[in-house]
Structures are given as C-alpha cells and as structure tokens.
Protein backbone atom coordinates (compact mmCIF):
# COMPACT_ATOMS: atom_id res chain seq x y z
CA MET A 1 -20.18 9.34 2.60
CA THR A 2 -19.28 12.83 1.46
CA ASN A 3 -15.81 14.07 2.27
CA THR A 4 -16.16 17.58 3.62
CA ALA A 5 -12.49 17.95 4.54
CA PRO A 6 -10.86 21.04 2.99
CA VAL A 7 -8.35 20.35 0.25
CA SER A 8 -4.83 21.33 1.26
CA ALA A 9 -2.64 23.23 -1.17
CA ARG A 10 -0.57 20.60 -2.95
CA ARG A 11 3.19 21.03 -2.94
CA ASP A 12 5.03 21.41 -6.24
CA LEU A 13 7.04 18.20 -6.33
CA SER A 14 7.15 17.88 -10.11
CA ASP A 15 10.87 16.99 -10.00
CA ALA A 16 10.66 14.47 -7.14
CA PRO A 17 12.18 11.22 -8.48
CA LEU A 18 9.36 9.03 -7.17
CA LEU A 19 6.63 11.09 -8.83
CA VAL A 20 8.56 11.45 -12.07
CA ALA A 21 9.09 7.67 -12.25
CA ALA A 22 5.47 6.97 -11.29
CA ARG A 23 4.33 9.03 -14.27
CA GLY A 24 6.66 7.25 -16.67
CA GLY A 25 9.24 10.03 -16.87
CA MET A 26 13.01 10.07 -16.51
CA PRO A 27 13.89 10.83 -12.86
CA SER A 28 17.24 12.19 -11.74
CA ARG A 29 17.82 8.91 -9.90
CA THR A 30 16.01 5.64 -9.36
CA PRO A 31 13.65 6.37 -6.47
CA VAL A 32 13.57 3.98 -3.54
CA TRP A 33 11.31 3.47 -0.55
CA PHE A 34 10.43 0.38 1.46
CA MET A 35 7.10 -1.04 2.46
CA ARG A 36 6.99 -1.13 6.28
CA GLN A 37 10.00 1.20 6.37
CA ALA A 38 8.40 2.79 9.44
CA GLY A 39 8.10 -0.01 11.93
CA ARG A 40 9.59 -2.64 14.14
CA SER A 41 13.00 -2.77 12.48
CA LEU A 42 13.79 0.69 13.88
CA PRO A 43 14.83 1.04 17.54
CA GLU A 44 13.44 4.58 17.58
CA TYR A 45 10.06 3.18 16.51
CA ARG A 46 10.04 0.60 19.30
CA LYS A 47 10.89 3.33 21.80
CA VAL A 48 8.13 5.71 20.74
CA ARG A 49 5.55 2.92 20.58
CA GLU A 50 6.14 1.78 24.18
CA GLY A 51 2.82 1.74 25.98
CA ASN A 52 0.88 2.85 22.89
CA ALA A 53 -1.55 0.51 21.12
CA MET A 54 -1.08 0.22 17.36
CA LEU A 55 -4.42 1.57 16.16
CA GLU A 56 -4.49 4.41 18.67
CA SER A 57 -0.95 5.32 17.60
CA CYS A 58 -2.16 5.61 14.00
CA LEU A 59 -4.89 8.03 15.15
CA THR A 60 -2.60 10.15 17.34
CA PRO A 61 -1.01 12.86 15.13
CA ASP A 62 2.08 13.41 17.30
CA LEU A 63 2.95 9.70 17.22
CA ALA A 64 1.99 9.06 13.61
CA PHE A 65 4.00 12.09 12.47
CA GLU A 66 7.13 11.01 14.32
CA ILE A 67 6.93 7.39 13.17
CA THR A 68 6.37 8.38 9.53
CA MET A 69 9.39 10.68 9.61
CA GLN A 70 11.81 8.22 11.22
CA PRO A 71 12.86 6.23 8.12
CA VAL A 72 13.13 9.41 6.03
CA ARG A 73 15.62 10.82 8.51
CA ARG A 74 17.52 7.56 8.93
CA HIS A 75 17.61 6.10 5.41
CA GLY A 76 17.27 9.06 3.05
CA VAL A 77 14.50 7.32 1.09
CA ASP A 78 12.66 9.08 -1.72
CA ALA A 79 9.23 8.90 -0.11
CA ALA A 80 7.57 8.75 3.26
CA ILE A 81 4.59 6.46 3.67
CA LEU A 82 1.91 7.43 6.13
CA TYR A 83 2.10 5.46 9.37
CA SER A 84 -1.25 3.71 9.43
CA ASP A 85 -2.79 0.27 9.00
CA ILE A 86 -5.27 -1.19 6.56
CA VAL A 87 -7.88 -1.67 9.30
CA VAL A 88 -7.68 1.93 10.60
CA PRO A 89 -10.77 3.10 8.66
CA LEU A 90 -12.76 0.11 9.92
CA TYR A 91 -11.71 0.79 13.50
CA ALA A 92 -12.44 4.49 13.15
CA ALA A 93 -15.89 3.77 11.72
CA GLY A 94 -16.76 1.63 14.73
CA VAL A 95 -16.14 -1.90 13.48
CA GLY A 96 -14.94 -4.19 16.29
CA VAL A 97 -11.39 -4.85 15.10
CA ASP A 98 -8.06 -4.83 16.89
CA ILE A 99 -4.46 -5.65 16.03
CA VAL A 100 -3.33 -8.47 18.30
CA PRO A 101 0.48 -8.66 18.75
CA GLY A 102 1.85 -11.77 17.07
CA THR A 103 -1.41 -12.41 15.22
CA GLY A 104 -2.54 -9.34 13.28
CA PRO A 105 -6.00 -7.90 12.73
CA VAL A 106 -8.74 -9.75 14.61
CA VAL A 107 -12.43 -9.02 14.07
CA ALA A 108 -14.74 -9.46 17.07
CA HIS A 109 -17.82 -10.41 15.03
CA PRO A 110 -17.01 -11.97 11.63
CA VAL A 111 -19.21 -10.92 8.70
CA ARG A 112 -20.86 -13.87 6.94
CA THR A 113 -24.50 -12.95 6.21
CA LYS A 114 -26.41 -10.18 4.48
CA ALA A 115 -27.59 -8.99 7.89
CA ASP A 116 -23.95 -8.74 8.99
CA VAL A 117 -23.17 -6.62 5.95
CA ASP A 118 -26.20 -4.38 6.47
CA ALA A 119 -25.08 -3.75 10.05
CA LEU A 120 -21.67 -2.38 9.01
CA PRO A 121 -21.23 1.37 9.40
CA ASP A 122 -20.06 3.81 6.78
CA LEU A 123 -16.98 5.97 7.34
CA ASP A 124 -17.34 9.70 7.85
CA ALA A 125 -14.40 11.97 7.15
CA GLU A 126 -14.54 13.38 10.68
CA GLN A 127 -13.83 9.92 12.10
CA VAL A 128 -10.37 10.01 10.53
CA ALA A 129 -9.72 13.71 11.07
CA PRO A 130 -6.57 12.86 13.11
CA VAL A 131 -5.14 11.16 10.02
CA ALA A 132 -5.75 14.30 7.97
CA GLU A 133 -4.04 16.37 10.66
CA THR A 134 -1.03 14.04 10.59
CA ILE A 135 -0.79 14.41 6.82
CA ARG A 136 -0.91 18.20 6.98
CA ARG A 137 1.92 18.20 9.52
CA LEU A 138 3.96 15.80 7.41
CA THR A 139 3.63 17.70 4.15
CA ALA A 140 4.76 20.84 5.97
CA ALA A 141 7.85 19.05 7.29
CA LEU A 142 8.89 16.80 4.40
CA GLY A 143 10.20 19.48 2.05
CA GLY A 144 10.79 17.89 -1.35
CA THR A 145 10.05 14.33 -0.20
CA PRO A 146 6.67 12.97 -1.36
CA LEU A 147 4.21 11.42 1.06
CA ILE A 148 2.40 8.23 0.07
CA GLY A 149 -1.03 7.55 1.52
CA PHE A 150 -2.56 4.10 1.48
CA ALA A 151 -5.49 1.88 2.23
CA GLY A 152 -6.36 -1.80 2.24
CA ALA A 153 -8.12 -3.12 -0.85
CA PRO A 154 -11.69 -4.42 -0.46
CA PHE A 155 -10.76 -8.09 -0.99
CA THR A 156 -8.07 -8.18 1.69
CA LEU A 157 -10.29 -6.32 4.16
CA ALA A 158 -13.13 -8.71 3.34
CA SER A 159 -10.94 -11.72 4.05
CA TYR A 160 -10.09 -10.43 7.52
CA MET A 161 -13.71 -9.65 8.22
CA ILE A 162 -15.06 -12.99 7.01
CA GLU A 163 -12.35 -15.18 8.52
CA GLY A 164 -12.22 -13.15 11.73
CA GLY A 165 -8.46 -12.72 11.38
CA PRO A 166 -5.49 -13.81 9.24
CA SER A 167 -5.99 -16.96 7.18
CA LYS A 168 -3.71 -19.26 5.20
CA ASN A 169 -6.35 -20.66 2.89
CA HIS A 170 -9.15 -18.05 2.96
CA GLU A 171 -11.60 -20.93 2.95
CA ARG A 172 -14.58 -19.07 4.40
CA THR A 173 -13.84 -16.11 2.16
CA LYS A 174 -13.81 -18.16 -1.03
CA ALA A 175 -16.83 -20.19 0.04
CA LEU A 176 -18.89 -17.04 0.61
CA MET A 177 -17.64 -15.48 -2.61
CA HIS A 178 -18.87 -18.43 -4.70
CA SER A 179 -21.87 -19.57 -2.64
CA GLU A 180 -23.39 -16.17 -1.80
CA PRO A 181 -22.29 -13.78 -4.57
CA ASP A 182 -24.95 -11.21 -3.65
CA VAL A 183 -23.69 -11.07 -0.08
CA TRP A 184 -20.13 -10.99 -1.33
CA HIS A 185 -20.65 -8.05 -3.66
CA ALA A 186 -22.64 -6.18 -1.01
CA LEU A 187 -19.75 -6.59 1.43
CA LEU A 188 -17.11 -5.50 -1.06
CA ALA A 189 -19.23 -2.54 -2.13
CA LYS A 190 -19.45 -1.47 1.52
CA LEU A 191 -15.70 -1.86 1.99
CA ALA A 192 -14.94 -0.07 -1.27
CA GLY A 193 -16.98 2.86 0.02
CA ILE A 194 -15.08 2.94 3.31
CA THR A 195 -11.71 2.63 1.56
CA SER A 196 -12.59 5.31 -0.99
CA GLU A 197 -13.57 7.76 1.73
CA PHE A 198 -10.35 7.05 3.63
CA LEU A 199 -8.24 7.71 0.54
CA ARG A 200 -10.21 10.85 -0.36
CA VAL A 201 -9.50 12.23 3.11
CA GLN A 202 -5.79 11.52 2.63
CA VAL A 203 -5.71 13.12 -0.81
CA ALA A 204 -7.61 16.19 0.41
CA ALA A 205 -5.09 16.55 3.25
CA GLY A 206 -2.18 16.54 0.79
CA VAL A 207 -0.66 13.10 0.11
CA ASP A 208 1.30 12.98 -3.16
CA ALA A 209 0.53 9.38 -4.18
CA VAL A 210 -1.65 6.53 -2.93
CA GLN A 211 -1.15 2.80 -2.70
CA GLN A 212 -3.89 0.21 -2.48
CA PHE A 213 -2.68 -2.90 -0.64
CA ASP A 214 -4.38 -6.11 -1.72
CA SER A 215 -2.13 -8.34 0.34
CA TRP A 216 -4.14 -11.54 -0.09
CA ALA A 217 -5.26 -11.20 -3.72
CA GLY A 218 -2.61 -13.71 -4.77
CA ALA A 219 -4.84 -16.44 -3.31
CA LEU A 220 -7.22 -15.96 -6.26
CA SER A 221 -7.28 -17.11 -9.85
CA GLU A 222 -7.33 -14.36 -12.46
CA ARG A 223 -10.88 -15.36 -13.43
CA ASP A 224 -12.13 -15.00 -9.85
CA TYR A 225 -10.20 -11.78 -9.35
CA ARG A 226 -11.75 -10.18 -12.41
CA GLU A 227 -15.28 -11.25 -11.53
CA TYR A 228 -15.37 -10.81 -7.76
CA VAL A 229 -12.68 -8.27 -6.91
CA LEU A 230 -11.57 -6.02 -9.77
CA PRO A 231 -14.79 -3.94 -10.00
CA HIS A 232 -14.52 -2.97 -6.34
CA SER A 233 -10.80 -2.15 -6.42
CA ALA A 234 -11.45 -0.14 -9.58
CA ARG A 235 -14.10 1.87 -7.74
CA VAL A 236 -11.52 2.76 -5.08
CA PHE A 237 -8.99 3.98 -7.63
CA GLU A 238 -11.68 5.85 -9.54
CA SER A 239 -12.67 7.69 -6.36
CA VAL A 240 -9.33 9.54 -6.36
CA ALA A 241 -8.76 9.69 -10.11
CA ASP A 242 -9.57 13.39 -10.39
CA ALA A 243 -6.84 14.26 -7.86
CA GLY A 244 -4.14 13.45 -10.39
CA VAL A 245 -1.90 11.69 -7.87
CA PRO A 246 -0.17 8.44 -8.93
CA ARG A 247 -2.04 5.29 -7.89
CA ILE A 248 -0.01 2.21 -6.93
CA HIS A 249 -1.48 -1.29 -6.67
CA PHE A 250 0.32 -4.01 -4.72
CA GLY A 251 -0.38 -7.58 -3.73
CA VAL A 252 1.59 -10.62 -2.62
CA GLY A 253 1.89 -13.63 -4.93
CA THR A 254 0.14 -11.74 -7.71
CA GLY A 255 2.42 -12.54 -10.65
CA GLU A 256 -0.55 -14.03 -12.52
CA LEU A 257 -2.74 -11.02 -11.67
CA LEU A 258 -0.49 -8.13 -12.69
CA VAL A 259 -2.42 -7.27 -15.84
CA ALA A 260 -5.77 -7.49 -14.05
CA MET A 261 -4.50 -5.34 -11.18
CA ARG A 262 -3.39 -2.68 -13.63
CA ASP A 263 -6.77 -2.93 -15.31
CA ALA A 264 -8.30 -1.93 -11.97
CA GLY A 265 -6.86 1.53 -12.56
CA ALA A 266 -3.28 1.45 -11.31
CA ASP A 267 -0.66 3.82 -12.69
CA VAL A 268 2.10 1.79 -11.00
CA VAL A 269 2.02 -1.98 -10.54
CA GLY A 270 3.76 -3.37 -7.46
CA VAL A 271 5.61 -6.63 -8.10
CA ASP A 272 6.62 -9.09 -5.40
CA TRP A 273 9.86 -11.10 -5.51
CA ARG A 274 8.39 -14.24 -7.10
CA ILE A 275 8.61 -12.94 -10.66
CA PRO A 276 11.54 -11.12 -12.28
CA LEU A 277 10.84 -7.45 -12.80
CA ASP A 278 11.58 -7.56 -16.53
CA GLU A 279 9.19 -10.51 -16.93
CA ALA A 280 6.50 -8.50 -15.17
CA VAL A 281 7.14 -5.66 -17.61
CA ARG A 282 6.94 -8.09 -20.53
CA ARG A 283 3.54 -9.39 -19.42
CA LEU A 284 2.17 -5.92 -18.85
CA THR A 285 3.48 -4.70 -22.20
CA ALA A 286 2.06 -7.70 -24.08
CA ALA A 287 -1.40 -6.95 -22.68
CA ARG A 288 -1.27 -3.37 -24.04
CA PRO A 289 1.25 -3.39 -26.87
CA ASP A 290 0.08 -0.01 -28.17
CA GLY A 291 -0.04 1.66 -24.75
CA PRO A 292 2.64 3.50 -22.78
CA ALA A 293 5.43 1.44 -21.26
CA PRO A 294 4.30 0.13 -17.85
CA VAL A 295 5.57 1.55 -14.59
CA VAL A 296 6.51 -0.96 -11.90
CA GLN A 297 7.55 -0.99 -8.27
CA GLY A 298 9.70 -3.61 -6.55
CA ASN A 299 10.93 -6.16 -6.02
CA LEU A 300 13.80 -7.28 -3.73
CA ASP A 301 13.01 -10.29 -1.53
CA PRO A 302 12.89 -8.89 2.05
CA ALA A 303 14.73 -11.98 3.30
CA LEU A 304 17.79 -11.01 1.27
CA LEU A 305 18.36 -8.04 3.57
CA PHE A 306 19.77 -10.73 5.90
CA ALA A 307 22.26 -12.03 3.30
CA ASP A 308 25.97 -11.20 3.08
CA TRP A 309 26.54 -7.84 1.42
CA PRO A 310 28.05 -9.21 -1.84
CA VAL A 311 24.92 -11.33 -2.34
CA LEU A 312 22.61 -8.44 -1.55
CA GLU A 313 24.52 -6.01 -3.74
CA ARG A 314 24.31 -8.42 -6.67
CA GLU A 315 20.54 -8.72 -6.27
CA VAL A 316 20.03 -4.97 -5.98
CA ARG A 317 22.07 -4.39 -9.12
CA ARG A 318 20.07 -7.06 -10.96
CA ILE A 319 16.74 -5.51 -10.02
CA VAL A 320 17.83 -2.00 -10.97
CA ALA A 321 18.98 -3.37 -14.33
CA GLU A 322 15.70 -5.26 -14.86
CA GLY A 323 13.76 -2.12 -14.02
CA LYS A 324 15.22 -0.36 -17.04
CA ALA A 325 12.82 -2.39 -19.18
CA ALA A 326 9.92 -0.43 -17.69
CA GLY A 327 8.59 3.00 -18.50
CA GLY A 328 9.41 3.87 -14.92
CA HIS A 329 10.81 1.93 -11.95
CA ILE A 330 10.43 2.60 -8.24
CA PHE A 331 12.82 0.40 -6.26
CA ASN A 332 11.20 -1.34 -3.30
CA LEU A 333 10.97 -4.71 -1.64
CA GLY A 334 8.64 -7.44 -2.83
CA HIS A 335 6.85 -7.12 0.51
CA GLY A 336 7.52 -5.32 3.80
CA VAL A 337 10.70 -4.90 5.84
CA LEU A 338 10.91 -7.79 8.30
CA PRO A 339 11.05 -6.85 12.01
CA GLU A 340 14.53 -8.27 12.64
CA THR A 341 16.13 -6.42 9.70
CA ASP A 342 19.27 -4.40 10.48
CA PRO A 343 18.37 -0.76 9.71
CA ALA A 344 21.93 -0.09 8.59
CA VAL A 345 21.43 -2.56 5.74
CA VAL A 346 18.31 -0.71 4.58
CA THR A 347 20.30 2.54 4.53
CA ARG A 348 23.10 0.89 2.58
CA VAL A 349 20.66 -0.49 -0.02
CA THR A 350 19.15 2.98 -0.44
CA GLU A 351 22.59 4.47 -1.03
CA LEU A 352 23.47 1.74 -3.52
CA VAL A 353 20.31 2.24 -5.56
CA HIS A 354 20.96 5.97 -5.70
CA SER A 355 24.57 5.39 -6.76
CA LEU A 356 23.46 3.20 -9.67
CA SER A 357 21.25 5.89 -11.19
C-alpha cells in the first residue's frame, strides 16, 4: 500500500491558534472547533444532502467541500474538519459496508475468521483520490483556518466489522480478541494498514492536523487496550509522524485510558465529558512528570448545548479555566454535536470561548 499521491505545498499556518495550542505553545486565543460541527444540526447541511447517500457524499468533492466549509462560515470556528466518515476507506477499498439511517455503519459480511481477514482488500491511494481532491480545494479556500483530517482507529473499525454494526456490549469483538488473538491481531494489522494509507493520502493532500477516532475504546480495560489495541493505533500515528502535523487521539468513555492513548503516539489527547479536564491533565502529567505539559482537547457535554444559557456559560467558563492547567487546550465537546442542537448556540459558545482568551 504505497501512497503515490503528490504532496501538496503546505500552508504556513504557524500562528493559527489551533496549531499553536496543539504544539504546546501560547495561542492568541483559545481555539475551538466541534466534533460533528458539519452535519445534521445545520439546515444548510440537510438541504445539500437531500437525495445524496452519506458515503457517496463523502467521495464527491463538490459536496464534501461545501459541507466542510459550512460550519466555518456559520460559527467562525478555528478549524475545519474534513467531511468524511470512519468507514469511508473501507467502503472505498471494496468492503461491503453502508451507513444505514438511524442505525449507523452496517457490514454485509461480518469478519470473524482468519479466512475472513485474509479476504479483506487493501486500500490504494487512487481509491480515495476524490478525498484528496476535496482537501486540495479546501486548503485553497480556507485561508488561515487549519483543516483537520481524520480516520477511525483500528479497534473501533474492528468492532463494526466483527459485530456487523453498532454494539452496546461488543461481545463478539471481545470474545474474538481473547479467544482468537492471532485472528484479532491479523484483523487489526489489516485495518491499521488501511487507516494509515487513508491518513497518508490526507496528509499528502494538505491537511494541517489529523485525529484518530477510537469511539468504542472506552469499552476496554487499560490492560486489554495496551495488549490488543495500542500497538495498532501506534502504527497508524507512526505512519504520519514524519509529516510533522499534530496528531489528536479521541475516544468516548476513555478516562481510564488517557495515558495509554497518549502512549500510542498522540500529541493531543481528546477528553470526553466524564472526567474534569484538569483531572485529565493531572493524570497525564503524573505519568510523565519530567515530560512537557500535556495538551488536551475537550470537553463540554454535548447535551449541555440544550441547557439555559446561564448554565451553559458557566460550564464553558469552567472548562476554559480547567484547560489552563494543560500545556495547551483546544476547546471542543466531549463527543459530537447532537442532531437537534440549535446552531445559534454553537456560534454563541464559539464567541464566548474566544472572548475568554
């Protein structure tokens, strides 16, 4: 899986608040962006998506460009995040996967044996050439706003592929992990290769940072994470290490895994809302007392965007204050923007964070 895509000239965004914070510097203001900022909460998104399937939209440069730009125009956030999905590289490679409305990713033929793993295709850069084209258009249009690329982490992709779709308990995933470790590691190695190629294509096309989403890693103990998952996530981060772009690692319910997730190679550790941001910083600092101060991202509860403004303002102020304990802080939610969120509230939160800098 050799990426033959030409490397785009990288923009000089050395003063961009998000990139300064991600590298542990002192930005001109606390940077803010929102996971799922481009999506169903925006009426303009719903309009442009009419009649267009999700995965095909991600692979159509005109649509993906417009959807990525929408929250930047509306909210004035400090970063755009590429409109895509964690299963896009699987779909592009020829894996039978689709996003079913109201359900999520569904895999036609779940992977549960060594033969299933051996039958999986690799990803070639040309299969995601439309994504690279979208990125080149975006970097030309975004001016001084950084563009974040992303991919799903091997564990979360593996869970979808083993379970056949979303799962509450990940029972088949955990059973395979412990009962058939050779099959497990072969599957995650395959997925790490696909994910690495997808991120390399994005970096070559010009993204300014990357985020690895391990949405379901919080279902694991730290011991299992380190043994069965960390080496594969580390391989993904290592695959783009020479690009010099900040690498963000995020999972849900991962308060007990923050140190291990940083050990996988993250420059920035995403923190969900279940643990105070300053406590996350304390844990990360204690694990490397002689290292640089950790950089964190987060961590407003997305549900609080539905609260009365005085409540929401208090929580935003608290999180900004807690973030001062870190070497760098990127304000974000502890997960994605919920579909019914009022976009005006997201804009108001962005303005408040900027005013507190």
